[in-house]
Amino acid sequence: MSGRFRLLKLLGVILLSGLLFSPVASAGGRNKEAGVVDYFSKYNGGSAYQKRMVKDFYEAVRGTSVSPEWVDVDIFLPENKAKRDEYKRIAIPASACWFTQKMFEGMEDYVKSGGLLITNSSLVLLDKDNSYDVTSKTSVVTNVPTERFLGVDGTMSTEVKRIKVQPEMDCPLTQGLEKGAWIDLQVPMFGRVIGKVTAEKAIISDYTVKGNVAGEQPFLTFKHLEKGACIYLVGYILTSQESIKDANTVQIFKNIFSAKTLDWLCAGDQG
């Protein structure tokens, strides 16, 4: 009997250990809805216009179904992984363009581990010397985000006047929007000219060069990477210039932050 008792006791300890240290019991899920990168609280040299873009973006997120929190740009560094993985979504405003190599690697890790990275920036510049200064002359154009998790290469500035939902894209990102027809925006939006694209195109748009329509390009893209995904919205969100008051733009932005989109794109533990 004593041998049997010891065996049952050992099995009990093993079972209890499994409950205490399993990922489900210890991780606690991603219990924070959204973080918005407070870019210029750390990066120096931003103009008043660029800083307003960050605040505009935050206010626009507040107008969706989620309650955002400000997060430091250093949340993408490896030592802040635990804090980073508390968030279901992390969003990057349009004027946040410079990041260090470690930050880009952190973005990739966040997506791979089940997070939804939402960016209004093409993430085109590498802070090569970790200067945290957007006026530094040492930055270089990088393709790290394009190749690893963003799937879109966006450089020169442009203006968008109309959009079209891809007919085959009947998904949470395009909910409430007419499919397959060109939609004129009530307020034109600024953005980037898009080059190489490996991401999925949910919505396309026209784009202009020197004021003239030059062709079509992606407007809203998404790219899966292991458990998570990265969404890129090309059109800049500027509430102070009323771009977010366009009914279709409002719908797109709400779709991006919706629970349906999160469930559709991410397989990680969302809490």
Protein backbone atom coordinates (compact mmCIF):
# COMPACT_ATOMS: atom_id res chain seq x y z
CA MET A 1 0.00 0.00 0.00
CA SER A 2 2.80 2.39 0.81
CA GLY A 3 4.31 1.91 -2.67
CA ARG A 4 0.94 2.59 -4.31
CA PHE A 5 0.44 5.65 -2.16
CA ARG A 6 3.84 7.02 -3.16
CA LEU A 7 2.98 6.44 -6.84
CA LEU A 8 -0.34 8.27 -6.54
CA LYS A 9 1.35 11.12 -4.71
CA LEU A 10 3.98 11.40 -7.46
CA LEU A 11 1.29 11.45 -10.17
CA GLY A 12 -0.50 14.20 -8.25
CA VAL A 13 2.63 16.34 -8.12
CA ILE A 14 3.19 15.88 -11.87
CA LEU A 15 -0.42 16.85 -12.64
CA LEU A 16 -0.26 19.90 -10.38
CA SER A 17 3.03 20.99 -11.96
CA GLY A 18 1.46 20.74 -15.40
CA LEU A 19 -1.40 23.01 -14.33
CA LEU A 20 0.86 25.56 -12.70
CA PHE A 21 3.42 25.83 -15.46
CA SER A 22 1.43 25.21 -18.63
CA PRO A 23 1.32 28.17 -21.10
CA VAL A 24 -2.43 28.62 -20.57
CA ALA A 25 -2.12 28.94 -16.81
CA SER A 26 0.99 31.10 -16.77
CA ALA A 27 0.59 33.40 -19.77
CA GLY A 28 -2.71 34.97 -18.76
CA GLY A 29 -3.42 35.83 -22.41
CA ARG A 30 -3.13 39.24 -24.05
CA ASN A 31 -5.31 41.24 -21.68
CA LYS A 32 -4.79 44.72 -23.16
CA GLU A 33 -6.77 45.73 -26.23
CA ALA A 34 -4.39 48.11 -27.99
CA GLY A 35 -1.20 50.07 -27.57
CA VAL A 36 -0.42 53.13 -29.71
CA VAL A 37 3.26 54.01 -30.06
CA ASP A 38 3.93 57.43 -28.48
CA TYR A 39 6.76 57.92 -30.93
CA PHE A 40 7.97 61.43 -30.15
CA SER A 41 8.04 60.89 -26.41
CA LYS A 42 11.36 59.14 -27.14
CA TYR A 43 12.45 60.21 -30.62
CA ASN A 44 13.80 63.75 -30.97
CA GLY A 45 13.51 66.19 -33.87
CA GLY A 46 9.89 65.73 -34.90
CA SER A 47 8.02 68.71 -36.32
CA ALA A 48 4.79 70.05 -34.82
CA TYR A 49 2.94 68.52 -37.80
CA GLN A 50 4.49 65.08 -37.24
CA LYS A 51 3.68 65.17 -33.54
CA ARG A 52 0.09 66.13 -34.30
CA MET A 53 -0.16 63.12 -36.62
CA VAL A 54 0.66 60.85 -33.66
CA LYS A 55 -2.03 62.46 -31.49
CA ASP A 56 -4.55 62.36 -34.37
CA PHE A 57 -3.93 58.65 -34.81
CA TYR A 58 -4.43 57.97 -31.10
CA GLU A 59 -7.72 59.90 -31.12
CA ALA A 60 -8.86 57.93 -34.15
CA VAL A 61 -8.16 54.65 -32.36
CA ARG A 62 -10.20 55.91 -29.40
CA GLY A 63 -13.11 56.27 -31.85
CA THR A 64 -13.10 52.54 -32.59
CA SER A 65 -14.33 49.66 -30.43
CA VAL A 66 -11.09 49.45 -28.42
CA SER A 67 -9.60 51.55 -25.61
CA PRO A 68 -5.97 52.29 -26.46
CA GLU A 69 -3.01 52.98 -24.19
CA TRP A 70 0.14 54.88 -25.05
CA VAL A 71 3.21 52.65 -25.29
CA ASP A 72 6.88 53.62 -25.51
CA VAL A 73 8.71 52.98 -28.77
CA ASP A 74 11.12 50.80 -26.77
CA ILE A 75 8.33 48.27 -26.26
CA PHE A 76 9.74 46.54 -29.34
CA LEU A 77 13.14 45.94 -27.71
CA PRO A 78 13.81 42.36 -26.54
CA GLU A 79 13.90 43.25 -22.84
CA ASN A 80 10.28 44.45 -23.11
CA LYS A 81 8.86 41.34 -24.77
CA ALA A 82 6.73 40.36 -21.77
CA LYS A 83 5.09 43.80 -21.69
CA ARG A 84 4.71 43.81 -25.47
CA ASP A 85 2.89 40.49 -25.43
CA GLU A 86 0.24 41.85 -23.07
CA TYR A 87 -1.28 43.72 -26.04
CA LYS A 88 -3.62 42.18 -28.58
CA ARG A 89 -2.80 44.98 -31.00
CA ILE A 90 0.03 47.50 -31.26
CA ALA A 91 -0.46 50.40 -33.67
CA ILE A 92 2.13 52.70 -35.25
CA PRO A 93 1.18 56.22 -36.48
CA ALA A 94 2.14 57.46 -39.96
CA SER A 95 4.89 59.86 -38.85
CA ALA A 96 6.75 57.13 -36.95
CA CYS A 97 9.21 56.11 -39.66
CA TRP A 98 12.59 55.57 -37.95
CA PHE A 99 13.27 52.46 -35.89
CA THR A 100 16.37 50.57 -34.85
CA GLN A 101 17.21 47.09 -36.10
CA LYS A 102 16.30 45.63 -32.69
CA MET A 103 12.91 47.37 -32.84
CA PHE A 104 12.16 45.91 -36.27
CA GLU A 105 13.13 42.48 -34.97
CA GLY A 106 10.78 43.03 -32.02
CA MET A 107 7.93 43.87 -34.39
CA GLU A 108 8.55 40.64 -36.27
CA ASP A 109 8.63 38.66 -33.02
CA TYR A 110 5.40 40.31 -31.84
CA VAL A 111 3.62 39.23 -35.01
CA LYS A 112 5.05 35.72 -34.96
CA SER A 113 3.93 35.21 -31.37
CA GLY A 114 0.29 36.07 -32.15
CA GLY A 115 0.05 39.86 -31.99
CA LEU A 116 -1.67 42.10 -34.53
CA LEU A 117 0.70 44.86 -35.64
CA ILE A 118 -1.19 47.75 -37.25
CA THR A 119 0.87 50.39 -39.00
CA ASN A 120 0.02 53.63 -40.78
CA SER A 121 3.74 54.00 -41.54
CA SER A 122 5.69 52.18 -44.25
CA LEU A 123 8.52 51.66 -41.72
CA VAL A 124 11.04 52.68 -44.34
CA LEU A 125 13.95 54.12 -42.32
CA LEU A 126 16.55 52.39 -40.17
CA ASP A 127 17.92 54.30 -37.16
CA LYS A 128 21.35 52.90 -37.93
CA ASP A 129 23.25 54.31 -34.96
CA ASN A 130 20.39 54.13 -32.42
CA SER A 131 20.42 57.92 -32.16
CA TYR A 132 16.68 58.36 -31.47
CA ASP A 133 16.91 61.53 -33.57
CA VAL A 134 14.89 61.89 -36.78
CA THR A 135 17.17 64.74 -37.93
CA SER A 136 20.25 62.51 -37.84
CA LYS A 137 22.14 62.07 -41.11
CA THR A 138 22.97 58.45 -40.37
CA SER A 139 19.59 56.88 -41.15
CA VAL A 140 19.29 54.60 -44.19
CA VAL A 141 16.40 53.19 -46.18
CA THR A 142 15.73 49.61 -45.10
CA ASN A 143 13.83 46.68 -46.59
CA VAL A 144 13.78 44.66 -43.34
CA PRO A 145 10.04 45.24 -42.61
CA THR A 146 9.13 44.72 -46.28
CA GLU A 147 10.95 41.41 -46.47
CA ARG A 148 10.09 40.05 -43.02
CA PHE A 149 6.61 41.06 -41.82
CA LEU A 150 5.12 44.12 -43.58
CA GLY A 151 5.15 42.81 -47.15
CA VAL A 152 4.93 46.29 -48.68
CA ASP A 153 7.59 48.73 -49.91
CA GLY A 154 6.39 52.34 -49.65
CA THR A 155 8.59 55.38 -50.30
CA MET A 156 7.61 58.65 -52.02
CA SER A 157 4.60 60.70 -50.93
CA THR A 158 1.34 60.70 -52.86
CA GLU A 159 -2.36 61.55 -52.59
CA VAL A 160 -5.26 59.11 -52.75
CA LYS A 161 -8.63 60.22 -54.11
CA ARG A 162 -10.59 56.99 -54.53
CA ILE A 163 -10.48 53.39 -53.33
CA LYS A 164 -11.84 50.00 -54.39
CA VAL A 165 -12.39 46.88 -52.32
CA GLN A 166 -11.03 43.81 -54.07
CA PRO A 167 -14.11 41.74 -55.14
CA GLU A 168 -12.69 38.53 -53.67
CA MET A 169 -11.96 40.19 -50.31
CA ASP A 170 -15.18 39.55 -48.41
CA CYS A 171 -13.59 39.56 -44.96
CA PRO A 172 -13.72 41.49 -41.65
CA LEU A 173 -11.39 44.18 -43.04
CA THR A 174 -13.90 45.08 -45.77
CA GLN A 175 -17.14 44.69 -43.81
CA GLY A 176 -19.72 47.40 -44.59
CA LEU A 177 -17.98 48.52 -47.79
CA GLU A 178 -19.17 48.17 -51.37
CA LYS A 179 -17.15 45.51 -53.20
CA GLY A 180 -15.62 45.83 -56.65
CA ALA A 181 -16.56 49.46 -57.40
CA TRP A 182 -14.53 52.64 -57.17
CA ILE A 183 -15.47 54.78 -54.17
CA ASP A 184 -14.63 58.49 -54.16
CA LEU A 185 -13.23 59.70 -50.85
CA GLN A 186 -14.94 62.77 -49.46
CA VAL A 187 -11.53 63.95 -48.25
CA PRO A 188 -8.39 62.89 -50.22
CA MET A 189 -5.72 61.20 -48.13
CA PHE A 190 -1.93 61.43 -48.22
CA GLY A 191 0.18 58.29 -48.20
CA ARG A 192 3.11 56.51 -49.83
CA VAL A 193 3.77 55.38 -53.37
CA ILE A 194 3.88 51.60 -53.15
CA GLY A 195 6.47 49.48 -54.94
CA LYS A 196 7.10 45.82 -54.14
CA VAL A 197 4.14 44.00 -52.56
CA THR A 198 4.05 40.47 -51.12
CA ALA A 199 1.19 41.14 -48.67
CA GLU A 200 -2.46 40.47 -49.43
CA LYS A 201 -4.32 43.46 -50.90
CA ALA A 202 -7.73 43.97 -49.30
CA ILE A 203 -8.35 47.43 -50.79
CA ILE A 204 -6.63 49.26 -53.65
CA SER A 205 -6.60 52.96 -54.55
CA ASP A 206 -5.47 55.39 -57.19
CA TYR A 207 -2.37 57.47 -56.55
CA THR A 208 -1.10 60.75 -57.93
CA VAL A 209 2.26 62.04 -59.12
CA LYS A 210 2.58 65.83 -59.40
CA GLY A 211 -1.17 66.14 -59.01
CA ASN A 212 -2.08 63.71 -61.79
CA VAL A 213 -3.45 60.20 -61.30
CA ALA A 214 -0.60 57.85 -62.17
CA GLY A 215 -2.13 54.43 -61.59
CA GLU A 216 -3.42 51.98 -58.99
CA GLN A 217 -1.76 50.59 -55.89
CA PRO A 218 -2.57 48.91 -52.53
CA PHE A 219 -4.45 50.96 -49.93
CA LEU A 220 -4.98 48.33 -47.20
CA THR A 221 -2.88 45.18 -46.91
CA PHE A 222 -2.35 42.34 -44.47
CA LYS A 223 0.35 39.71 -44.10
CA HIS A 224 0.19 36.56 -41.97
CA LEU A 225 3.32 35.44 -40.14
CA GLU A 226 3.02 32.32 -37.98
CA LYS A 227 0.45 33.08 -35.22
CA GLY A 228 -0.13 36.77 -35.98
CA ALA A 229 -0.33 39.35 -38.74
CA CYS A 230 0.63 42.85 -39.83
CA ILE A 231 -1.89 45.30 -41.31
CA TYR A 232 -0.71 48.33 -43.29
CA LEU A 233 -3.05 51.24 -43.98
CA VAL A 234 -1.44 53.43 -46.67
CA GLY A 235 -3.68 56.48 -46.23
CA TYR A 236 -2.59 58.71 -43.35
CA ILE A 237 -5.08 59.18 -40.53
CA LEU A 238 -5.29 62.92 -39.80
CA THR A 239 -8.30 63.82 -37.68
CA SER A 240 -7.32 67.49 -37.58
CA GLN A 241 -7.60 67.53 -41.39
CA GLU A 242 -10.86 65.56 -41.28
CA SER A 243 -9.62 62.53 -43.25
CA ILE A 244 -11.12 60.22 -40.64
CA LYS A 245 -14.53 61.89 -41.06
CA ASP A 246 -14.99 60.31 -44.48
CA ALA A 247 -17.61 57.61 -43.90
CA ASN A 248 -15.66 54.92 -45.77
CA THR A 249 -12.41 55.79 -44.01
CA VAL A 250 -14.18 55.56 -40.66
CA GLN A 251 -15.55 52.13 -41.59
CA ILE A 252 -12.12 50.87 -42.70
CA PHE A 253 -10.45 52.08 -39.50
CA LYS A 254 -13.12 50.48 -37.31
CA ASN A 255 -12.75 47.24 -39.26
CA ILE A 256 -8.99 47.23 -38.69
CA PHE A 257 -9.48 47.37 -34.91
CA SER A 258 -12.54 45.11 -34.73
CA ALA A 259 -12.66 41.88 -32.71
CA LYS A 260 -13.63 40.00 -35.89
CA THR A 261 -10.45 41.12 -37.65
CA LEU A 262 -8.33 40.14 -34.65
CA ASP A 263 -9.91 36.68 -34.50
CA TRP A 264 -9.61 36.25 -38.26
CA LEU A 265 -5.91 37.14 -38.51
CA CYS A 266 -4.40 35.99 -35.21
CA ALA A 267 -4.19 32.52 -33.75
CA GLY A 268 -2.37 33.50 -30.55
CA ASP A 269 -3.84 33.54 -27.00
CA GLN A 270 -5.84 36.80 -27.01
CA GLY A 271 -7.11 36.52 -23.43
